[in-house]
Amino acid sequence: MSNSCFQCGAALAAAESTCPACGTPRAAAQPAAQPAALTPGLVTRRARVLRDTSAGDGLLSTEGRQYLFALEAHWRSDVAPAANMVVDARFTPDGTLVDVSAVSEATRNQEKVKAAVDDAREIATQTFDRLKTSGTPLVAAIVAKMGYANLAALGLLVTGWFFLNTVSIQVDAGMNAGLSFYDVLRALNSLDNLYALGNIRQASTGFYGFLCYATLALCVAPFFVASKRLWLGLASPLALFVAVFAGLYWKVSSAVGALAGSGDEVSQMAGSMAREMAGEMLKALSPGPGFYVALAASVFLAFRGITRYLAR
């Protein structure tokens, strides 16, 4: 049972059936969960858990204020609350906490992708307008040749590859780490064994880095060079995207196979442990916002390129 009143938050003794402060029956402290769409007037705020409920009431923070919440009375998710977990908290218009739900990683990634796309579109539009009207002939010619949509897609591709996490790594319930697509290229170039992952940010991209920049150049070339075949270059980011992750999977599989050894009992045990370790590592990986941004931009550019190639 909850040890605090749902209505006013006052502490309740185990034997008390009503709140001594406001008279609310204890049963009211455990209302049935209702979808937001069926409960008019509630306000949803993004919050973060500061203290879990393992030793009593939990504590969350939102918009500079802290609120106590009880596991039985307020928690509406299938996973237990944990410190630093991002949650959605619903309040009545007078500021009373109604319930708390965990925000899934997929939802957070979707929000990050939408925010990144909206910001990139706004910045690109403002920048192109400013440059086009500044009287710079070269910039005006580039904008006129490529168009806003293609330049925006190329900008999103660069953002997704170099500045956003393509791979998200779940360290614990409230903490994520990540690698950009350029970091994944480093892994593909340097991943001779699983222990190289610890120094991946200091590794070289090698030939894969050259392919990355060549792919970006192929996205620009058809707008300035009159060649029908060059329009297929707009599909190169998508091809590189698929090839890199296929190559990375092959590299990891090869590294795990190498740990298996020659087949004696000790080597078989080492191989089994390596496979289990690789399986746990893969469970912690998920696509980051950079993956979705770059994938969307790559598909758009590939569609544009193939369409222009077939039409000319």
C-alpha atoms as a PDB file:
ATOM      1  CA  MET A   1       0.000   0.000   0.000  1.00  0.00           C
ATOM      2  CA  SER A   2       1.049   3.595  -0.582  1.00  0.00           C
ATOM      3  CA  ASN A   3       2.563   5.405   2.435  1.00  0.00           C
ATOM      4  CA  SER A   4       1.475   8.849   1.235  1.00  0.00           C
ATOM      5  CA  CYS A   5      -1.856  10.478   0.388  1.00  0.00           C
ATOM      6  CA  PHE A   6      -2.574  10.751  -3.318  1.00  0.00           C
ATOM      7  CA  GLN A   7      -4.433  14.037  -2.867  1.00  0.00           C
ATOM      8  CA  CYS A   8      -2.189  16.089  -0.527  1.00  0.00           C
ATOM      9  CA  GLY A   9       0.977  13.992  -0.156  1.00  0.00           C
ATOM     10  CA  ALA A  10       0.705  13.665   3.635  1.00  0.00           C
ATOM     11  CA  ALA A  11       2.288  10.577   5.250  1.00  0.00           C
ATOM     12  CA  LEU A  12      -0.103   7.715   6.083  1.00  0.00           C
ATOM     13  CA  ALA A  13       0.371   5.113   8.797  1.00  0.00           C
ATOM     14  CA  ALA A  14      -0.222   1.492   7.836  1.00  0.00           C
ATOM     15  CA  ALA A  15      -3.441   1.283   9.904  1.00  0.00           C
ATOM     16  CA  GLU A  16      -4.987   4.550   8.700  1.00  0.00           C
ATOM     17  CA  SER A  17      -7.853   4.191   6.217  1.00  0.00           C
ATOM     18  CA  THR A  18      -8.234   7.928   5.570  1.00  0.00           C
ATOM     19  CA  CYS A  19      -5.775  10.792   5.329  1.00  0.00           C
ATOM     20  CA  PRO A  20      -5.609  12.703   8.670  1.00  0.00           C
ATOM     21  CA  ALA A  21      -4.809  15.948   6.819  1.00  0.00           C
ATOM     22  CA  CYS A  22      -7.477  16.115   4.092  1.00  0.00           C
ATOM     23  CA  GLY A  23      -9.804  13.181   4.843  1.00  0.00           C
ATOM     24  CA  THR A  24      -9.238  11.446   1.498  1.00  0.00           C
ATOM     25  CA  PRO A  25      -9.913   7.664   1.708  1.00  0.00           C
ATOM     26  CA  ARG A  26      -6.791   5.576   1.353  1.00  0.00           C
ATOM     27  CA  ALA A  27      -8.304   3.746  -1.636  1.00  0.00           C
ATOM     28  CA  ALA A  28      -8.229   7.033  -3.524  1.00  0.00           C
ATOM     29  CA  ALA A  29      -4.476   6.910  -3.341  1.00  0.00           C
ATOM     30  CA  GLN A  30      -4.549   4.110  -5.897  1.00  0.00           C
ATOM     31  CA  PRO A  31      -6.651   5.342  -8.825  1.00  0.00           C
ATOM     32  CA  ALA A  32      -6.911   3.255 -11.954  1.00  0.00           C
ATOM     33  CA  ALA A  33      -4.597   4.358 -14.747  1.00  0.00           C
ATOM     34  CA  GLN A  34      -6.375   6.334 -17.429  1.00  0.00           C
ATOM     35  CA  PRO A  35      -5.034   7.243 -20.837  1.00  0.00           C
ATOM     36  CA  ALA A  36      -4.206  10.927 -21.261  1.00  0.00           C
ATOM     37  CA  ALA A  37      -6.775  11.208 -24.039  1.00  0.00           C
ATOM     38  CA  LEU A  38      -9.564  10.088 -21.638  1.00  0.00           C
ATOM     39  CA  THR A  39      -8.550  12.405 -18.782  1.00  0.00           C
ATOM     40  CA  PRO A  40      -9.217  15.980 -19.837  1.00  0.00           C
ATOM     41  CA  GLY A  41      -7.402  18.889 -18.228  1.00  0.00           C
ATOM     42  CA  LEU A  42      -4.198  17.020 -17.317  1.00  0.00           C
ATOM     43  CA  VAL A  43      -0.821  18.538 -18.143  1.00  0.00           C
ATOM     44  CA  THR A  44       2.098  16.283 -19.165  1.00  0.00           C
ATOM     45  CA  ARG A  45       5.635  17.394 -18.321  1.00  0.00           C
ATOM     46  CA  ARG A  46       8.963  15.739 -19.097  1.00  0.00           C
ATOM     47  CA  ALA A  47      10.777  14.925 -15.834  1.00  0.00           C
ATOM     48  CA  ARG A  48      13.767  13.015 -14.465  1.00  0.00           C
ATOM     49  CA  VAL A  49      13.807  10.595 -11.530  1.00  0.00           C
ATOM     50  CA  LEU A  50      16.138  11.784  -8.768  1.00  0.00           C
ATOM     51  CA  ARG A  51      15.431   8.935  -6.311  1.00  0.00           C
ATOM     52  CA  ASP A  52      13.844   5.552  -6.936  1.00  0.00           C
ATOM     53  CA  THR A  53      11.203   3.851  -4.795  1.00  0.00           C
ATOM     54  CA  SER A  54      13.367   1.059  -3.389  1.00  0.00           C
ATOM     55  CA  ALA A  55      13.387   2.624   0.108  1.00  0.00           C
ATOM     56  CA  GLY A  56      10.116   4.565   0.158  1.00  0.00           C
ATOM     57  CA  ASP A  57       8.668   7.305  -1.987  1.00  0.00           C
ATOM     58  CA  GLY A  58      10.512   8.267  -5.131  1.00  0.00           C
ATOM     59  CA  LEU A  59      11.492  11.815  -6.088  1.00  0.00           C
ATOM     60  CA  LEU A  60      11.314  13.415  -9.516  1.00  0.00           C
ATOM     61  CA  SER A  61      12.234  16.848 -10.835  1.00  0.00           C
ATOM     62  CA  THR A  62      10.559  18.895 -13.564  1.00  0.00           C
ATOM     63  CA  GLU A  63      10.704  22.589 -14.445  1.00  0.00           C
ATOM     64  CA  GLY A  64      12.810  23.369 -11.390  1.00  0.00           C
ATOM     65  CA  ARG A  65      10.472  21.712  -8.864  1.00  0.00           C
ATOM     66  CA  GLN A  66      10.606  18.363  -7.084  1.00  0.00           C
ATOM     67  CA  TYR A  67       7.701  15.993  -6.444  1.00  0.00           C
ATOM     68  CA  LEU A  68       7.340  12.834  -4.375  1.00  0.00           C
ATOM     69  CA  PHE A  69       5.722   9.839  -6.056  1.00  0.00           C
ATOM     70  CA  ALA A  70       4.724   6.395  -4.792  1.00  0.00           C
ATOM     71  CA  LEU A  71       5.181   3.161  -6.707  1.00  0.00           C
ATOM     72  CA  GLU A  72       1.640   1.897  -6.106  1.00  0.00           C
ATOM     73  CA  ALA A  73      -0.168   5.205  -6.461  1.00  0.00           C
ATOM     74  CA  HIS A  74       1.621   6.903  -9.332  1.00  0.00           C
ATOM     75  CA  TRP A  75       3.830   4.553 -11.339  1.00  0.00           C
ATOM     76  CA  ARG A  76       2.247   3.363 -14.607  1.00  0.00           C
ATOM     77  CA  SER A  77       5.072   1.543 -16.462  1.00  0.00           C
ATOM     78  CA  ASP A  78       6.094  -2.109 -16.635  1.00  0.00           C
ATOM     79  CA  VAL A  79       9.698  -1.356 -15.583  1.00  0.00           C
ATOM     80  CA  ALA A  80      10.639  -0.138 -12.113  1.00  0.00           C
ATOM     81  CA  PRO A  81      11.719   3.505 -11.726  1.00  0.00           C
ATOM     82  CA  ALA A  82      15.476   4.121 -11.548  1.00  0.00           C
ATOM     83  CA  ALA A  83      17.604   7.157 -10.731  1.00  0.00           C
ATOM     84  CA  ASN A  84      18.210   9.437 -13.760  1.00  0.00           C
ATOM     85  CA  MET A  85      15.397   7.779 -15.730  1.00  0.00           C
ATOM     86  CA  VAL A  86      13.514  10.146 -18.049  1.00  0.00           C
ATOM     87  CA  VAL A  87       9.765  10.048 -17.415  1.00  0.00           C
ATOM     88  CA  ASP A  88       6.507  11.757 -18.330  1.00  0.00           C
ATOM     89  CA  ALA A  89       4.646  13.140 -15.291  1.00  0.00           C
ATOM     90  CA  ARG A  90       0.970  14.160 -15.519  1.00  0.00           C
ATOM     91  CA  PHE A  91      -0.470  16.880 -13.313  1.00  0.00           C
ATOM     92  CA  THR A  92      -3.893  18.345 -12.635  1.00  0.00           C
ATOM     93  CA  PRO A  93      -4.320  22.056 -13.464  1.00  0.00           C
ATOM     94  CA  ASP A  94      -3.647  22.931  -9.793  1.00  0.00           C
ATOM     95  CA  GLY A  95      -0.283  21.118  -9.851  1.00  0.00           C
ATOM     96  CA  THR A  96      -1.189  17.813  -8.168  1.00  0.00           C
ATOM     97  CA  LEU A  97       0.800  14.843  -9.448  1.00  0.00           C
ATOM     98  CA  VAL A  98      -1.487  12.221 -11.017  1.00  0.00           C
ATOM     99  CA  ASP A  99       0.830   9.562 -12.457  1.00  0.00           C
ATOM    100  CA  VAL A 100       4.318   8.920 -13.811  1.00  0.00           C
ATOM    101  CA  SER A 101       5.391   6.824 -16.835  1.00  0.00           C
ATOM    102  CA  ALA A 102       8.823   5.922 -18.175  1.00  0.00           C
ATOM    103  CA  VAL A 103       9.780   7.347 -21.578  1.00  0.00           C
ATOM    104  CA  SER A 104      11.048   4.620 -23.902  1.00  0.00           C
ATOM    105  CA  GLU A 105      14.346   4.912 -25.753  1.00  0.00           C
ATOM    106  CA  ALA A 106      12.487   4.726 -29.079  1.00  0.00           C
ATOM    107  CA  THR A 107      10.337   7.725 -28.124  1.00  0.00           C
ATOM    108  CA  ARG A 108      13.369   9.730 -27.056  1.00  0.00           C
ATOM    109  CA  ASN A 109      15.155   8.908 -30.317  1.00  0.00           C
ATOM    110  CA  GLN A 110      12.118   9.968 -32.338  1.00  0.00           C
ATOM    111  CA  GLU A 111      12.000  13.273 -30.469  1.00  0.00           C
ATOM    112  CA  LYS A 112      15.728  13.845 -31.026  1.00  0.00           C
ATOM    113  CA  VAL A 113      15.399  13.064 -34.721  1.00  0.00           C
ATOM    114  CA  LYS A 114      12.436  15.417 -35.121  1.00  0.00           C
ATOM    115  CA  ALA A 115      14.242  18.191 -33.241  1.00  0.00           C
ATOM    116  CA  ALA A 116      17.421  17.682 -35.282  1.00  0.00           C
ATOM    117  CA  VAL A 117      15.508  17.710 -38.576  1.00  0.00           C
ATOM    118  CA  ASP A 118      13.510  20.809 -37.618  1.00  0.00           C
ATOM    119  CA  ASP A 119      16.630  22.666 -36.448  1.00  0.00           C
ATOM    120  CA  ALA A 120      18.617  21.675 -39.531  1.00  0.00           C
ATOM    121  CA  ARG A 121      15.786  22.709 -41.860  1.00  0.00           C
ATOM    122  CA  GLU A 122      15.404  26.097 -40.164  1.00  0.00           C
ATOM    123  CA  ILE A 123      19.148  26.782 -40.068  1.00  0.00           C
ATOM    124  CA  ALA A 124      19.623  25.655 -43.674  1.00  0.00           C
ATOM    125  CA  THR A 125      16.749  27.795 -44.942  1.00  0.00           C
ATOM    126  CA  GLN A 126      17.942  30.888 -43.082  1.00  0.00           C
ATOM    127  CA  THR A 127      21.548  30.356 -44.160  1.00  0.00           C
ATOM    128  CA  PHE A 128      20.715  29.785 -47.817  1.00  0.00           C
ATOM    129  CA  ASP A 129      18.412  32.814 -47.905  1.00  0.00           C
ATOM    130  CA  ARG A 130      21.051  34.990 -46.270  1.00  0.00           C
ATOM    131  CA  LEU A 131      23.824  33.786 -48.579  1.00  0.00           C
ATOM    132  CA  LYS A 132      21.696  33.972 -51.690  1.00  0.00           C
ATOM    133  CA  THR A 133      20.758  37.605 -51.022  1.00  0.00           C
ATOM    134  CA  SER A 134      24.232  38.670 -49.869  1.00  0.00           C
ATOM    135  CA  GLY A 135      25.412  39.194 -53.431  1.00  0.00           C
ATOM    136  CA  THR A 136      27.993  36.386 -53.400  1.00  0.00           C
ATOM    137  CA  PRO A 137      27.933  34.991 -56.958  1.00  0.00           C
ATOM    138  CA  LEU A 138      29.413  31.587 -56.067  1.00  0.00           C
ATOM    139  CA  VAL A 139      27.011  30.906 -53.211  1.00  0.00           C
ATOM    140  CA  ALA A 140      24.041  32.079 -55.270  1.00  0.00           C
ATOM    141  CA  ALA A 141      25.113  29.787 -58.106  1.00  0.00           C
ATOM    142  CA  ILE A 142      25.388  26.766 -55.755  1.00  0.00           C
ATOM    143  CA  VAL A 143      21.942  27.401 -54.279  1.00  0.00           C
ATOM    144  CA  ALA A 144      20.450  27.860 -57.748  1.00  0.00           C
ATOM    145  CA  LYS A 145      22.130  24.688 -59.084  1.00  0.00           C
ATOM    146  CA  MET A 146      21.347  22.299 -56.230  1.00  0.00           C
ATOM    147  CA  GLY A 147      18.117  23.684 -54.811  1.00  0.00           C
ATOM    148  CA  TYR A 148      16.965  23.966 -51.215  1.00  0.00           C
ATOM    149  CA  ALA A 149      15.701  20.393 -50.854  1.00  0.00           C
ATOM    150  CA  ASN A 150      18.918  18.741 -52.060  1.00  0.00           C
ATOM    151  CA  LEU A 151      21.130  21.062 -50.001  1.00  0.00           C
ATOM    152  CA  ALA A 152      18.993  20.428 -46.920  1.00  0.00           C
ATOM    153  CA  ALA A 153      19.217  16.646 -47.454  1.00  0.00           C
ATOM    154  CA  LEU A 154      22.995  16.881 -47.833  1.00  0.00           C
ATOM    155  CA  GLY A 155      23.180  18.972 -44.656  1.00  0.00           C
ATOM    156  CA  LEU A 156      21.116  16.408 -42.767  1.00  0.00           C
ATOM    157  CA  LEU A 157      23.361  13.639 -44.077  1.00  0.00           C
ATOM    158  CA  VAL A 158      26.480  15.416 -42.798  1.00  0.00           C
ATOM    159  CA  THR A 159      24.766  16.092 -39.456  1.00  0.00           C
ATOM    160  CA  GLY A 160      23.693  12.463 -39.093  1.00  0.00           C
ATOM    161  CA  TRP A 161      27.114  11.088 -40.014  1.00  0.00           C
ATOM    162  CA  PHE A 162      29.419  13.397 -38.072  1.00  0.00           C
ATOM    163  CA  PHE A 163      27.500  15.090 -35.247  1.00  0.00           C
ATOM    164  CA  LEU A 164      24.765  12.715 -34.036  1.00  0.00           C
ATOM    165  CA  ASN A 165      25.066   9.250 -32.535  1.00  0.00           C
ATOM    166  CA  THR A 166      24.362   6.577 -35.118  1.00  0.00           C
ATOM    167  CA  VAL A 167      24.647   3.784 -32.558  1.00  0.00           C
ATOM    168  CA  SER A 168      23.264   4.209 -29.036  1.00  0.00           C
ATOM    169  CA  ILE A 169      24.731   2.057 -26.252  1.00  0.00           C
ATOM    170  CA  GLN A 170      22.597   1.476 -23.134  1.00  0.00           C
ATOM    171  CA  VAL A 171      25.076   1.623 -20.242  1.00  0.00           C
ATOM    172  CA  ASP A 172      22.395   1.502 -17.515  1.00  0.00           C
ATOM    173  CA  ALA A 173      18.765   2.529 -16.997  1.00  0.00           C
ATOM    174  CA  GLY A 174      19.564   6.234 -16.948  1.00  0.00           C
ATOM    175  CA  MET A 175      22.723   6.549 -19.019  1.00  0.00           C
ATOM    176  CA  ASN A 176      23.455   6.136 -22.732  1.00  0.00           C
ATOM    177  CA  ALA A 177      26.662   6.391 -24.719  1.00  0.00           C
ATOM    178  CA  GLY A 178      26.957   6.482 -28.476  1.00  0.00           C
ATOM    179  CA  LEU A 179      29.078   6.422 -31.621  1.00  0.00           C
ATOM    180  CA  SER A 180      28.674   8.594 -34.682  1.00  0.00           C
ATOM    181  CA  PHE A 181      28.776   7.084 -38.159  1.00  0.00           C
ATOM    182  CA  TYR A 182      32.351   8.365 -38.513  1.00  0.00           C
ATOM    183  CA  ASP A 183      33.232   6.496 -35.292  1.00  0.00           C
ATOM    184  CA  VAL A 184      31.666   3.370 -36.817  1.00  0.00           C
ATOM    185  CA  LEU A 185      34.043   3.816 -39.774  1.00  0.00           C
ATOM    186  CA  ARG A 186      36.913   3.898 -37.289  1.00  0.00           C
ATOM    187  CA  ALA A 187      35.630   0.650 -35.810  1.00  0.00           C
ATOM    188  CA  LEU A 188      35.372  -0.963 -39.218  1.00  0.00           C
ATOM    189  CA  ASN A 189      38.952   0.040 -40.049  1.00  0.00           C
ATOM    190  CA  SER A 190      40.505  -0.906 -36.695  1.00  0.00           C
ATOM    191  CA  LEU A 191      38.359  -3.631 -35.171  1.00  0.00           C
ATOM    192  CA  ASP A 192      40.741  -6.581 -35.293  1.00  0.00           C
ATOM    193  CA  ASN A 193      39.400  -7.877 -31.998  1.00  0.00           C
ATOM    194  CA  LEU A 194      36.732  -6.961 -29.474  1.00  0.00           C
ATOM    195  CA  TYR A 195      39.233  -5.282 -27.140  1.00  0.00           C
ATOM    196  CA  ALA A 196      39.817  -2.477 -29.667  1.00  0.00           C
ATOM    197  CA  LEU A 197      36.393  -1.014 -28.848  1.00  0.00           C
ATOM    198  CA  GLY A 198      37.800   0.812 -25.829  1.00  0.00           C
ATOM    199  CA  ASN A 199      40.029   3.057 -27.996  1.00  0.00           C
ATOM    200  CA  ILE A 200      37.787   3.418 -31.018  1.00  0.00           C
ATOM    201  CA  ARG A 201      37.603   7.234 -30.912  1.00  0.00           C
ATOM    202  CA  GLN A 202      41.385   7.467 -31.303  1.00  0.00           C
ATOM    203  CA  ALA A 203      41.494   5.069 -34.252  1.00  0.00           C
ATOM    204  CA  SER A 204      41.894   6.023 -37.903  1.00  0.00           C
ATOM    205  CA  THR A 205      39.158   5.665 -40.492  1.00  0.00           C
ATOM    206  CA  GLY A 206      41.698   4.697 -43.168  1.00  0.00           C
ATOM    207  CA  PHE A 207      40.269   3.886 -46.578  1.00  0.00           C
ATOM    208  CA  TYR A 208      36.730   4.032 -45.187  1.00  0.00           C
ATOM    209  CA  GLY A 209      37.188   7.710 -44.366  1.00  0.00           C
ATOM    210  CA  PHE A 210      38.196   8.335 -47.969  1.00  0.00           C
ATOM    211  CA  LEU A 211      35.036   6.526 -49.130  1.00  0.00           C
ATOM    212  CA  CYS A 212      32.957   8.690 -46.821  1.00  0.00           C
ATOM    213  CA  TYR A 213      34.261  11.967 -48.269  1.00  0.00           C
ATOM    214  CA  ALA A 214      34.160  10.592 -51.822  1.00  0.00           C
ATOM    215  CA  THR A 215      30.507   9.733 -51.279  1.00  0.00           C
ATOM    216  CA  LEU A 216      29.764  13.325 -50.243  1.00  0.00           C
ATOM    217  CA  ALA A 217      31.577  14.579 -53.334  1.00  0.00           C
ATOM    218  CA  LEU A 218      29.465  12.279 -55.531  1.00  0.00           C
ATOM    219  CA  CYS A 219      26.342  13.889 -54.061  1.00  0.00           C
ATOM    220  CA  VAL A 220      27.481  17.299 -55.337  1.00  0.00           C
ATOM    221  CA  ALA A 221      29.073  16.365 -58.673  1.00  0.00           C
ATOM    222  CA  PRO A 222      25.938  15.709 -60.800  1.00  0.00           C
ATOM    223  CA  PHE A 223      24.661  19.249 -60.218  1.00  0.00           C
ATOM    224  CA  PHE A 224      27.773  20.757 -61.806  1.00  0.00           C
ATOM    225  CA  VAL A 225      28.997  18.101 -64.271  1.00  0.00           C
ATOM    226  CA  ALA A 226      26.820  17.185 -67.244  1.00  0.00           C
ATOM    227  CA  SER A 227      26.914  13.381 -67.048  1.00  0.00           C
ATOM    228  CA  LYS A 228      23.897  11.112 -66.837  1.00  0.00           C
ATOM    229  CA  ARG A 229      25.733   8.407 -64.890  1.00  0.00           C
ATOM    230  CA  LEU A 230      26.759  10.833 -62.149  1.00  0.00           C
ATOM    231  CA  TRP A 231      23.153  11.051 -60.974  1.00  0.00           C
ATOM    232  CA  LEU A 232      23.566   7.528 -59.631  1.00  0.00           C
ATOM    233  CA  GLY A 233      26.167   8.997 -57.269  1.00  0.00           C
ATOM    234  CA  LEU A 234      23.295  10.335 -55.170  1.00  0.00           C
ATOM    235  CA  ALA A 235      22.576   6.725 -54.211  1.00  0.00           C
ATOM    236  CA  SER A 236      26.131   6.220 -52.899  1.00  0.00           C
ATOM    237  CA  PRO A 237      25.387   7.368 -49.304  1.00  0.00           C
ATOM    238  CA  LEU A 238      22.695   4.708 -48.979  1.00  0.00           C
ATOM    239  CA  ALA A 239      24.987   2.067 -50.480  1.00  0.00           C
ATOM    240  CA  LEU A 240      27.821   3.072 -48.122  1.00  0.00           C
ATOM    241  CA  PHE A 241      25.441   3.038 -45.156  1.00  0.00           C
ATOM    242  CA  VAL A 242      24.361  -0.542 -45.861  1.00  0.00           C
ATOM    243  CA  ALA A 243      27.880  -1.740 -46.706  1.00  0.00           C
ATOM    244  CA  VAL A 244      29.409  -0.275 -43.524  1.00  0.00           C
ATOM    245  CA  PHE A 245      26.998  -1.965 -41.138  1.00  0.00           C
ATOM    246  CA  ALA A 246      27.266  -5.244 -43.029  1.00  0.00           C
ATOM    247  CA  GLY A 247      31.057  -4.973 -42.827  1.00  0.00           C
ATOM    248  CA  LEU A 248      30.955  -4.130 -39.126  1.00  0.00           C
ATOM    249  CA  TYR A 249      28.783  -7.181 -38.434  1.00  0.00           C
ATOM    250  CA  TRP A 250      31.248  -9.350 -40.340  1.00  0.00           C
ATOM    251  CA  LYS A 251      34.192  -7.835 -38.398  1.00  0.00           C
ATOM    252  CA  VAL A 252      32.552  -8.526 -35.023  1.00  0.00           C
ATOM    253  CA  SER A 253      31.628 -12.079 -36.073  1.00  0.00           C
ATOM    254  CA  SER A 254      35.202 -12.709 -37.224  1.00  0.00           C
ATOM    255  CA  ALA A 255      36.601 -11.365 -33.950  1.00  0.00           C
ATOM    256  CA  VAL A 256      34.320 -13.639 -31.930  1.00  0.00           C
ATOM    257  CA  GLY A 257      35.288 -16.592 -34.130  1.00  0.00           C
ATOM    258  CA  ALA A 258      38.979 -15.849 -33.589  1.00  0.00           C
ATOM    259  CA  LEU A 259      38.493 -16.067 -29.832  1.00  0.00           C
ATOM    260  CA  ALA A 260      37.122 -19.583 -30.236  1.00  0.00           C
ATOM    261  CA  GLY A 261      40.642 -20.900 -30.864  1.00  0.00           C
ATOM    262  CA  SER A 262      41.646 -24.201 -32.333  1.00  0.00           C
ATOM    263  CA  GLY A 263      38.910 -26.415 -30.891  1.00  0.00           C
ATOM    264  CA  ASP A 264      40.335 -27.827 -27.616  1.00  0.00           C
ATOM    265  CA  GLU A 265      38.255 -27.703 -24.436  1.00  0.00           C
ATOM    266  CA  VAL A 266      39.738 -24.442 -23.127  1.00  0.00           C
ATOM    267  CA  SER A 267      39.318 -22.769 -26.512  1.00  0.00           C
ATOM    268  CA  GLN A 268      35.719 -23.963 -26.742  1.00  0.00           C
ATOM    269  CA  MET A 269      34.983 -22.447 -23.336  1.00  0.00           C
ATOM    270  CA  ALA A 270      36.628 -19.193 -24.431  1.00  0.00           C
ATOM    271  CA  GLY A 271      34.595 -19.215 -27.637  1.00  0.00           C
ATOM    272  CA  SER A 272      31.360 -19.801 -25.723  1.00  0.00           C
ATOM    273  CA  MET A 273      32.135 -16.907 -23.371  1.00  0.00           C
ATOM    274  CA  ALA A 274      32.990 -14.693 -26.338  1.00  0.00           C
ATOM    275  CA  ARG A 275      29.696 -15.471 -28.041  1.00  0.00           C
ATOM    276  CA  GLU A 276      27.784 -14.717 -24.843  1.00  0.00           C
ATOM    277  CA  MET A 277      29.702 -11.462 -24.431  1.00  0.00           C
ATOM    278  CA  ALA A 278      28.970 -10.470 -28.031  1.00  0.00           C
ATOM    279  CA  GLY A 279      25.289 -11.329 -27.549  1.00  0.00           C
ATOM    280  CA  GLU A 280      25.022  -9.134 -24.449  1.00  0.00           C
ATOM    281  CA  MET A 281      26.838  -6.324 -26.264  1.00  0.00           C
ATOM    282  CA  LEU A 282      24.420  -6.486 -29.202  1.00  0.00           C
ATOM    283  CA  LYS A 283      21.445  -6.330 -26.823  1.00  0.00           C
ATOM    284  CA  ALA A 284      22.760  -3.028 -25.462  1.00  0.00           C
ATOM    285  CA  LEU A 285      23.011  -1.494 -28.956  1.00  0.00           C
ATOM    286  CA  SER A 286      20.193   0.375 -30.643  1.00  0.00           C
ATOM    287  CA  PRO A 287      19.936   2.877 -33.521  1.00  0.00           C
ATOM    288  CA  GLY A 288      20.634   6.431 -32.417  1.00  0.00           C
ATOM    289  CA  PRO A 289      19.107   9.644 -33.809  1.00  0.00           C
ATOM    290  CA  GLY A 290      21.955   9.987 -36.307  1.00  0.00           C
ATOM    291  CA  PHE A 291      20.981   6.638 -37.831  1.00  0.00           C
ATOM    292  CA  TYR A 292      17.456   7.787 -38.627  1.00  0.00           C
ATOM    293  CA  VAL A 293      18.505  11.267 -39.812  1.00  0.00           C
ATOM    294  CA  ALA A 294      21.217   9.913 -42.113  1.00  0.00           C
ATOM    295  CA  LEU A 295      19.019   7.062 -43.365  1.00  0.00           C
ATOM    296  CA  ALA A 296      16.178   9.442 -44.253  1.00  0.00           C
ATOM    297  CA  ALA A 297      18.573  11.812 -46.044  1.00  0.00           C
ATOM    298  CA  SER A 298      20.237   8.892 -47.879  1.00  0.00           C
ATOM    299  CA  VAL A 299      16.921   7.477 -49.082  1.00  0.00           C
ATOM    300  CA  PHE A 300      15.798  10.927 -50.263  1.00  0.00           C
ATOM    301  CA  LEU A 301      19.036  11.526 -52.188  1.00  0.00           C
ATOM    302  CA  ALA A 302      18.958   8.028 -53.701  1.00  0.00           C
ATOM    303  CA  PHE A 303      15.371   8.565 -54.857  1.00  0.00           C
ATOM    304  CA  ARG A 304      16.287  11.941 -56.380  1.00  0.00           C
ATOM    305  CA  GLY A 305      19.345  10.525 -58.142  1.00  0.00           C
ATOM    306  CA  ILE A 306      17.673   7.427 -59.569  1.00  0.00           C
ATOM    307  CA  THR A 307      14.671   9.472 -60.700  1.00  0.00           C
ATOM    308  CA  ARG A 308      16.905  11.969 -62.520  1.00  0.00           C
ATOM    309  CA  TYR A 309      18.973   9.164 -64.065  1.00  0.00           C
ATOM    310  CA  LEU A 310      15.898   7.407 -65.461  1.00  0.00           C
ATOM    311  CA  ALA A 311      14.328  10.645 -66.664  1.00  0.00           C
ATOM    312  CA  ARG A 312      17.256  12.009 -68.683  1.00  0.00           C
END
